[in-house]
Amino acid sequence: MAKAAGVSTWLVYAAGIREHVDAARRRQAHPSAAPAPTPSGSHTTTSASLRTDLAIARDQIKTLRAERDNLRQRLRLHLGAEIEAPDRAHLTARVADLEALNRQLVAERDARMIEADNAKGRVAELDDELSAARESLRRVIKSQNRPQ
């Protein structure tokens, strides 16, 4: 019967659907009988309502299958990323190495800055000495060039 309807056998035996299927079988067995009431007893089922319920169920099944496929794909991608990603211990060790290297480079930079400041101070001293030597040389040259 499920094959003829083009649905899964699971749907035929699902709670809520099974009663409708049994009622339809009874109606087909006795065509003159009135439609059987639903389990709640307040409504009667017709073949049109059963077809509508079946169409709704098929649509829900399509939606659920699409959602399942989407979730499987996301899980596949997530698991692949976990497999290919390095482990936390390796990353932690790498971060510690980079931090140590960073501290070393900062210390070297600071030492070079101190050396540069000292060199600037020495350049200023030498510039002052050079200026003084030039001035002294000018005085000597002037004193030598003056008539005595």
N, C-alpha and C. Protein backbone atom coordinates (compact mmCIF):
# COMPACT_ATOMS: atom_id res chain seq x y z
N MET A 1 0.82 -1.18 0.00
CA MET A 1 0.00 0.00 0.00
C MET A 1 0.88 1.26 0.00
N ALA A 2 1.98 1.26 0.75
CA ALA A 2 2.86 2.42 0.80
C ALA A 2 3.47 2.67 -0.57
N LYS A 3 3.83 1.60 -1.28
CA LYS A 3 4.40 1.76 -2.62
C LYS A 3 3.39 2.38 -3.56
N ALA A 4 2.18 1.92 -3.49
CA ALA A 4 1.13 2.44 -4.37
C ALA A 4 0.88 3.92 -4.11
N ALA A 5 0.99 4.31 -2.86
CA ALA A 5 0.77 5.72 -2.50
C ALA A 5 2.02 6.55 -2.74
N GLY A 6 3.15 5.90 -2.94
CA GLY A 6 4.41 6.62 -3.17
C GLY A 6 4.97 7.22 -1.91
N VAL A 7 4.76 6.57 -0.76
CA VAL A 7 5.27 7.07 0.52
C VAL A 7 6.09 5.99 1.20
N SER A 8 6.77 6.38 2.23
CA SER A 8 7.57 5.45 3.01
C SER A 8 6.65 4.54 3.83
N THR A 9 7.10 3.32 4.08
CA THR A 9 6.31 2.42 4.92
C THR A 9 6.22 2.97 6.34
N TRP A 10 7.21 3.75 6.73
CA TRP A 10 7.18 4.37 8.06
C TRP A 10 5.95 5.25 8.19
N LEU A 11 5.63 5.99 7.14
CA LEU A 11 4.50 6.91 7.19
C LEU A 11 3.20 6.14 7.37
N VAL A 12 3.07 5.01 6.73
CA VAL A 12 1.84 4.22 6.81
C VAL A 12 1.61 3.74 8.24
N TYR A 13 2.67 3.42 8.97
CA TYR A 13 2.54 2.89 10.31
C TYR A 13 2.72 3.93 11.41
N ALA A 14 2.89 5.20 11.03
CA ALA A 14 3.10 6.27 12.02
C ALA A 14 1.83 6.51 12.80
N ALA A 15 1.99 6.88 14.07
CA ALA A 15 0.84 7.17 14.93
C ALA A 15 0.06 8.34 14.33
N GLY A 16 -1.25 8.23 14.31
CA GLY A 16 -2.08 9.28 13.74
C GLY A 16 -2.42 9.02 12.30
N ILE A 17 -1.54 8.38 11.56
CA ILE A 17 -1.78 8.06 10.15
C ILE A 17 -2.38 6.66 10.04
N ARG A 18 -1.91 5.79 10.88
CA ARG A 18 -2.35 4.39 10.85
C ARG A 18 -3.88 4.29 10.96
N GLU A 19 -4.47 5.07 11.86
CA GLU A 19 -5.92 5.03 12.05
C GLU A 19 -6.65 5.44 10.77
N HIS A 20 -6.11 6.46 10.10
CA HIS A 20 -6.74 6.93 8.86
C HIS A 20 -6.64 5.86 7.77
N VAL A 21 -5.51 5.20 7.72
CA VAL A 21 -5.32 4.15 6.71
C VAL A 21 -6.30 3.00 6.97
N ASP A 22 -6.42 2.61 8.24
CA ASP A 22 -7.37 1.53 8.57
C ASP A 22 -8.80 1.93 8.25
N ALA A 23 -9.15 3.18 8.55
CA ALA A 23 -10.50 3.65 8.25
C ALA A 23 -10.75 3.64 6.74
N ALA A 24 -9.77 4.03 5.96
CA ALA A 24 -9.92 4.03 4.51
C ALA A 24 -10.10 2.61 3.99
N ARG A 25 -9.36 1.68 4.56
CA ARG A 25 -9.51 0.27 4.16
C ARG A 25 -10.93 -0.23 4.44
N ARG A 26 -11.43 0.11 5.62
CA ARG A 26 -12.80 -0.32 5.97
C ARG A 26 -13.82 0.30 5.01
N ARG A 27 -13.65 1.57 4.68
CA ARG A 27 -14.59 2.22 3.75
C ARG A 27 -14.53 1.57 2.38
N GLN A 28 -13.33 1.21 1.95
CA GLN A 28 -13.22 0.57 0.64
C GLN A 28 -13.81 -0.83 0.65
N ALA A 29 -13.73 -1.50 1.78
CA ALA A 29 -14.30 -2.83 1.89
C ALA A 29 -15.83 -2.78 1.86
N HIS A 30 -16.41 -1.73 2.44
CA HIS A 30 -17.87 -1.54 2.49
C HIS A 30 -18.19 -0.17 1.90
N PRO A 31 -18.33 -0.04 0.58
CA PRO A 31 -18.53 1.26 -0.05
C PRO A 31 -19.79 1.98 0.43
N SER A 32 -20.77 1.30 0.94
CA SER A 32 -22.00 1.96 1.36
C SER A 32 -21.92 2.50 2.78
N ALA A 33 -20.91 2.12 3.49
CA ALA A 33 -20.78 2.56 4.88
C ALA A 33 -20.40 4.03 4.93
N ALA A 34 -20.80 4.71 5.99
CA ALA A 34 -20.47 6.13 6.19
C ALA A 34 -19.02 6.24 6.65
N PRO A 35 -18.42 7.38 6.44
CA PRO A 35 -17.04 7.55 6.87
C PRO A 35 -16.90 7.35 8.37
N ALA A 36 -15.81 6.69 8.76
CA ALA A 36 -15.57 6.40 10.18
C ALA A 36 -15.11 7.65 10.91
N PRO A 37 -15.53 7.82 12.17
CA PRO A 37 -15.09 8.99 12.93
C PRO A 37 -13.62 8.85 13.32
N THR A 38 -13.00 9.99 13.56
CA THR A 38 -11.60 9.99 13.99
C THR A 38 -11.53 9.53 15.42
N PRO A 39 -10.34 9.22 15.91
CA PRO A 39 -10.21 8.75 17.30
C PRO A 39 -10.80 9.72 18.31
N SER A 40 -10.82 11.01 18.03
CA SER A 40 -11.39 11.95 18.99
C SER A 40 -12.90 11.87 18.99
N GLY A 41 -13.49 11.40 17.89
CA GLY A 41 -14.92 11.21 17.83
C GLY A 41 -15.67 12.46 17.44
N SER A 42 -15.01 13.62 17.31
CA SER A 42 -15.71 14.87 17.04
C SER A 42 -15.80 15.18 15.55
N HIS A 43 -14.94 14.62 14.72
CA HIS A 43 -14.94 14.91 13.30
C HIS A 43 -15.01 13.60 12.51
N THR A 44 -15.51 13.73 11.31
CA THR A 44 -15.49 12.57 10.43
C THR A 44 -14.39 12.79 9.40
N THR A 45 -13.80 11.70 8.96
CA THR A 45 -12.74 11.81 7.96
C THR A 45 -13.30 11.48 6.60
N THR A 46 -12.85 12.24 5.64
CA THR A 46 -13.24 11.99 4.26
C THR A 46 -11.98 11.67 3.48
N SER A 47 -12.18 11.16 2.30
CA SER A 47 -11.00 10.85 1.48
C SER A 47 -10.24 12.12 1.13
N ALA A 48 -10.96 13.21 0.96
CA ALA A 48 -10.29 14.49 0.65
C ALA A 48 -9.44 14.94 1.83
N SER A 49 -9.98 14.79 3.07
CA SER A 49 -9.19 15.21 4.23
C SER A 49 -7.98 14.30 4.41
N LEU A 50 -8.16 13.02 4.10
CA LEU A 50 -7.03 12.10 4.18
C LEU A 50 -5.97 12.45 3.15
N ARG A 51 -6.41 12.79 1.94
CA ARG A 51 -5.44 13.20 0.91
C ARG A 51 -4.72 14.47 1.34
N THR A 52 -5.44 15.39 1.93
CA THR A 52 -4.82 16.63 2.41
C THR A 52 -3.80 16.32 3.51
N ASP A 53 -4.20 15.46 4.46
CA ASP A 53 -3.27 15.08 5.52
C ASP A 53 -2.03 14.40 4.95
N LEU A 54 -2.24 13.56 3.95
CA LEU A 54 -1.11 12.87 3.31
C LEU A 54 -0.20 13.87 2.60
N ALA A 55 -0.79 14.84 1.92
CA ALA A 55 0.01 15.86 1.23
C ALA A 55 0.81 16.69 2.24
N ILE A 56 0.16 17.01 3.35
CA ILE A 56 0.86 17.78 4.40
C ILE A 56 2.01 16.94 4.96
N ALA A 57 1.74 15.68 5.21
CA ALA A 57 2.78 14.80 5.76
C ALA A 57 3.94 14.67 4.78
N ARG A 58 3.63 14.53 3.48
CA ARG A 58 4.70 14.44 2.48
C ARG A 58 5.53 15.72 2.45
N ASP A 59 4.86 16.85 2.55
CA ASP A 59 5.60 18.13 2.56
C ASP A 59 6.50 18.22 3.79
N GLN A 60 5.99 17.79 4.94
CA GLN A 60 6.81 17.81 6.15
C GLN A 60 8.00 16.86 6.02
N ILE A 61 7.77 15.73 5.39
CA ILE A 61 8.86 14.78 5.19
C ILE A 61 9.94 15.39 4.30
N LYS A 62 9.52 16.07 3.23
CA LYS A 62 10.50 16.73 2.35
C LYS A 62 11.30 17.76 3.12
N THR A 63 10.60 18.56 3.92
CA THR A 63 11.27 19.60 4.71
C THR A 63 12.25 18.97 5.69
N LEU A 64 11.82 17.91 6.37
CA LEU A 64 12.69 17.26 7.35
C LEU A 64 13.89 16.60 6.68
N ARG A 65 13.69 16.03 5.52
CA ARG A 65 14.82 15.42 4.80
C ARG A 65 15.83 16.49 4.38
N ALA A 66 15.33 17.61 3.90
CA ALA A 66 16.23 18.70 3.51
C ALA A 66 17.00 19.22 4.72
N GLU A 67 16.31 19.36 5.84
CA GLU A 67 16.98 19.81 7.07
C GLU A 67 18.02 18.80 7.53
N ARG A 68 17.66 17.51 7.46
CA ARG A 68 18.60 16.45 7.83
C ARG A 68 19.84 16.50 6.95
N ASP A 69 19.65 16.65 5.63
CA ASP A 69 20.79 16.71 4.71
C ASP A 69 21.66 17.92 5.01
N ASN A 70 21.04 19.05 5.31
CA ASN A 70 21.79 20.26 5.65
C ASN A 70 22.61 20.04 6.92
N LEU A 71 21.99 19.44 7.93
CA LEU A 71 22.71 19.19 9.18
C LEU A 71 23.84 18.18 8.99
N ARG A 72 23.62 17.18 8.16
CA ARG A 72 24.69 16.22 7.87
C ARG A 72 25.87 16.90 7.21
N GLN A 73 25.59 17.80 6.26
CA GLN A 73 26.67 18.51 5.57
C GLN A 73 27.44 19.39 6.55
N ARG A 74 26.72 20.11 7.42
CA ARG A 74 27.38 20.96 8.41
C ARG A 74 28.23 20.12 9.36
N LEU A 75 27.71 18.97 9.77
CA LEU A 75 28.47 18.08 10.65
C LEU A 75 29.70 17.56 9.95
N ARG A 76 29.58 17.19 8.68
CA ARG A 76 30.71 16.69 7.90
C ARG A 76 31.80 17.76 7.82
N LEU A 77 31.39 19.01 7.56
CA LEU A 77 32.37 20.10 7.47
C LEU A 77 33.04 20.35 8.82
N HIS A 78 32.23 20.32 9.88
CA HIS A 78 32.77 20.58 11.21
C HIS A 78 33.76 19.49 11.62
N LEU A 79 33.40 18.24 11.38
CA LEU A 79 34.31 17.15 11.72
C LEU A 79 35.59 17.20 10.89
N GLY A 80 35.46 17.56 9.61
CA GLY A 80 36.64 17.70 8.77
C GLY A 80 37.57 18.79 9.29
N ALA A 81 36.97 19.90 9.74
CA ALA A 81 37.78 20.98 10.28
C ALA A 81 38.49 20.54 11.56
N GLU A 82 37.82 19.75 12.38
CA GLU A 82 38.45 19.26 13.61
C GLU A 82 39.62 18.33 13.29
N ILE A 83 39.45 17.50 12.29
CA ILE A 83 40.50 16.55 11.93
C ILE A 83 41.72 17.29 11.37
N GLU A 84 41.49 18.29 10.53
CA GLU A 84 42.59 18.99 9.88
C GLU A 84 43.23 20.05 10.76
N ALA A 85 42.53 20.51 11.78
CA ALA A 85 43.06 21.57 12.63
C ALA A 85 44.12 21.01 13.58
N PRO A 86 45.15 21.83 13.89
CA PRO A 86 46.16 21.37 14.85
C PRO A 86 45.54 21.28 16.24
N ASP A 87 46.13 20.44 17.09
CA ASP A 87 45.56 20.29 18.42
C ASP A 87 45.91 21.49 19.30
N ARG A 88 45.20 21.63 20.39
CA ARG A 88 45.36 22.79 21.28
C ARG A 88 46.76 22.83 21.91
N ALA A 89 47.30 21.69 22.25
CA ALA A 89 48.63 21.67 22.88
C ALA A 89 49.67 22.25 21.93
N HIS A 90 49.58 21.88 20.66
CA HIS A 90 50.51 22.41 19.67
C HIS A 90 50.34 23.92 19.53
N LEU A 91 49.09 24.38 19.47
CA LEU A 91 48.84 25.81 19.34
C LEU A 91 49.32 26.57 20.58
N THR A 92 49.11 26.00 21.76
CA THR A 92 49.56 26.65 22.99
C THR A 92 51.08 26.76 23.01
N ALA A 93 51.76 25.71 22.61
CA ALA A 93 53.23 25.74 22.56
C ALA A 93 53.70 26.77 21.54
N ARG A 94 53.03 26.84 20.41
CA ARG A 94 53.41 27.81 19.36
C ARG A 94 53.21 29.24 19.86
N VAL A 95 52.12 29.50 20.57
CA VAL A 95 51.87 30.84 21.12
C VAL A 95 52.94 31.18 22.14
N ALA A 96 53.31 30.23 23.00
CA ALA A 96 54.36 30.48 24.00
C ALA A 96 55.69 30.79 23.31
N ASP A 97 56.02 30.07 22.24
CA ASP A 97 57.25 30.35 21.48
C ASP A 97 57.23 31.75 20.88
N LEU A 98 56.08 32.11 20.31
CA LEU A 98 55.97 33.44 19.70
C LEU A 98 56.06 34.55 20.75
N GLU A 99 55.47 34.31 21.92
CA GLU A 99 55.57 35.31 23.00
C GLU A 99 57.02 35.48 23.45
N ALA A 100 57.74 34.38 23.58
CA ALA A 100 59.16 34.44 23.98
C ALA A 100 59.96 35.19 22.93
N LEU A 101 59.73 34.89 21.67
CA LEU A 101 60.42 35.58 20.59
C LEU A 101 60.08 37.06 20.60
N ASN A 102 58.83 37.38 20.87
CA ASN A 102 58.41 38.78 20.93
C ASN A 102 59.13 39.51 22.06
N ARG A 103 59.24 38.88 23.25
CA ARG A 103 59.96 39.51 24.37
C ARG A 103 61.42 39.74 24.00
N GLN A 104 62.03 38.76 23.32
CA GLN A 104 63.43 38.90 22.92
C GLN A 104 63.59 40.06 21.94
N LEU A 105 62.71 40.16 20.97
CA LEU A 105 62.79 41.24 19.99
C LEU A 105 62.55 42.60 20.63
N VAL A 106 61.64 42.67 21.59
CA VAL A 106 61.40 43.94 22.30
C VAL A 106 62.65 44.34 23.08
N ALA A 107 63.30 43.37 23.74
CA ALA A 107 64.52 43.68 24.49
C ALA A 107 65.62 44.16 23.55
N GLU A 108 65.77 43.51 22.39
CA GLU A 108 66.76 43.95 21.41
C GLU A 108 66.46 45.34 20.89
N ARG A 109 65.18 45.61 20.63
CA ARG A 109 64.79 46.94 20.16
C ARG A 109 65.13 48.00 21.20
N ASP A 110 64.82 47.71 22.47
CA ASP A 110 65.11 48.66 23.54
C ASP A 110 66.62 48.90 23.65
N ALA A 111 67.42 47.83 23.53
CA ALA A 111 68.89 47.97 23.59
C ALA A 111 69.37 48.83 22.42
N ARG A 112 68.84 48.62 21.25
CA ARG A 112 69.24 49.42 20.07
C ARG A 112 68.83 50.88 20.24
N MET A 113 67.68 51.10 20.86
CA MET A 113 67.25 52.48 21.09
C MET A 113 68.20 53.18 22.07
N ILE A 114 68.64 52.46 23.10
CA ILE A 114 69.59 53.04 24.06
C ILE A 114 70.92 53.33 23.36
N GLU A 115 71.37 52.38 22.52
CA GLU A 115 72.60 52.59 21.76
C GLU A 115 72.46 53.80 20.84
N ALA A 116 71.29 53.95 20.21
CA ALA A 116 71.07 55.08 19.30
C ALA A 116 71.08 56.39 20.08
N ASP A 117 70.45 56.41 21.25
CA ASP A 117 70.46 57.63 22.08
C ASP A 117 71.88 57.98 22.51
N ASN A 118 72.67 56.95 22.91
CA ASN A 118 74.06 57.20 23.29
C ASN A 118 74.85 57.73 22.09
N ALA A 119 74.62 57.14 20.92
CA ALA A 119 75.33 57.58 19.73
C ALA A 119 74.96 59.02 19.39
N LYS A 120 73.69 59.38 19.54
CA LYS A 120 73.26 60.76 19.27
C LYS A 120 73.95 61.72 20.23
N GLY A 121 74.04 61.30 21.51
CA GLY A 121 74.74 62.14 22.49
C GLY A 121 76.21 62.29 22.13
N ARG A 122 76.85 61.20 21.72
CA ARG A 122 78.26 61.24 21.33
C ARG A 122 78.46 62.11 20.10
N VAL A 123 77.52 62.02 19.13
CA VAL A 123 77.59 62.86 17.92
C VAL A 123 77.50 64.33 18.31
N ALA A 124 76.62 64.64 19.24
CA ALA A 124 76.48 66.03 19.69
C ALA A 124 77.77 66.51 20.34
N GLU A 125 78.39 65.64 21.19
CA GLU A 125 79.66 66.00 21.83
C GLU A 125 80.76 66.23 20.78
N LEU A 126 80.84 65.30 19.83
CA LEU A 126 81.87 65.43 18.79
C LEU A 126 81.63 66.66 17.93
N ASP A 127 80.37 66.98 17.69
CA ASP A 127 80.04 68.17 16.92
C ASP A 127 80.50 69.42 17.68
N ASP A 128 80.26 69.43 18.99
CA ASP A 128 80.72 70.56 19.80
C ASP A 128 82.25 70.65 19.78
N GLU A 129 82.92 69.48 19.91
CA GLU A 129 84.39 69.48 19.87
C GLU A 129 84.90 69.96 18.52
N LEU A 130 84.25 69.54 17.46
CA LEU A 130 84.65 69.96 16.11
C LEU A 130 84.48 71.47 15.95
N SER A 131 83.36 71.97 16.42
CA SER A 131 83.13 73.42 16.34
C SER A 131 84.19 74.17 17.14
N ALA A 132 84.53 73.65 18.32
CA ALA A 132 85.55 74.29 19.15
C ALA A 132 86.91 74.21 18.45
N ALA A 133 87.23 73.07 17.84
CA ALA A 133 88.51 72.92 17.15
C ALA A 133 88.57 73.87 15.97
N ARG A 134 87.49 74.03 15.22
CA ARG A 134 87.47 74.96 14.09
C ARG A 134 87.68 76.41 14.56
N GLU A 135 86.98 76.72 15.64
CA GLU A 135 87.14 78.08 16.17
C GLU A 135 88.58 78.32 16.63
N SER A 136 89.14 77.33 17.28
CA SER A 136 90.53 77.44 17.73
C SER A 136 91.47 77.56 16.54
N LEU A 137 91.20 76.80 15.51
CA LEU A 137 92.02 76.84 14.30
C LEU A 137 91.92 78.22 13.64
N ARG A 138 90.75 78.79 13.59
CA ARG A 138 90.57 80.13 13.01
C ARG A 138 91.41 81.16 13.80
N ARG A 139 91.36 81.04 15.11
CA ARG A 139 92.12 81.99 15.93
C ARG A 139 93.63 81.86 15.65
N VAL A 140 94.08 80.62 15.56
CA VAL A 140 95.50 80.39 15.31
C VAL A 140 95.87 80.96 13.94
N ILE A 141 95.04 80.70 12.94
CA ILE A 141 95.33 81.19 11.58
C ILE A 141 95.33 82.72 11.59
N LYS A 142 94.36 83.34 12.26
CA LYS A 142 94.31 84.81 12.31
C LYS A 142 95.54 85.37 13.01
N SER A 143 95.92 84.70 14.11
CA SER A 143 97.08 85.21 14.85
C SER A 143 98.36 85.03 14.04
N GLN A 144 98.47 84.04 13.22
CA GLN A 144 99.64 83.80 12.39
C GLN A 144 99.68 84.76 11.20
N ASN A 145 98.52 85.15 10.74
CA ASN A 145 98.46 86.04 9.57
C ASN A 145 98.58 87.51 9.94
N ARG A 146 98.52 87.88 11.15
CA ARG A 146 98.66 89.27 11.56
C ARG A 146 100.14 89.66 11.54
N PRO A 147 100.33 90.83 11.10
CA PRO A 147 101.75 91.27 11.12
C PRO A 147 102.22 91.46 12.56
N GLN A 148 103.44 91.13 12.78
CA GLN A 148 103.95 91.21 14.14
C GLN A 148 104.76 92.41 14.37
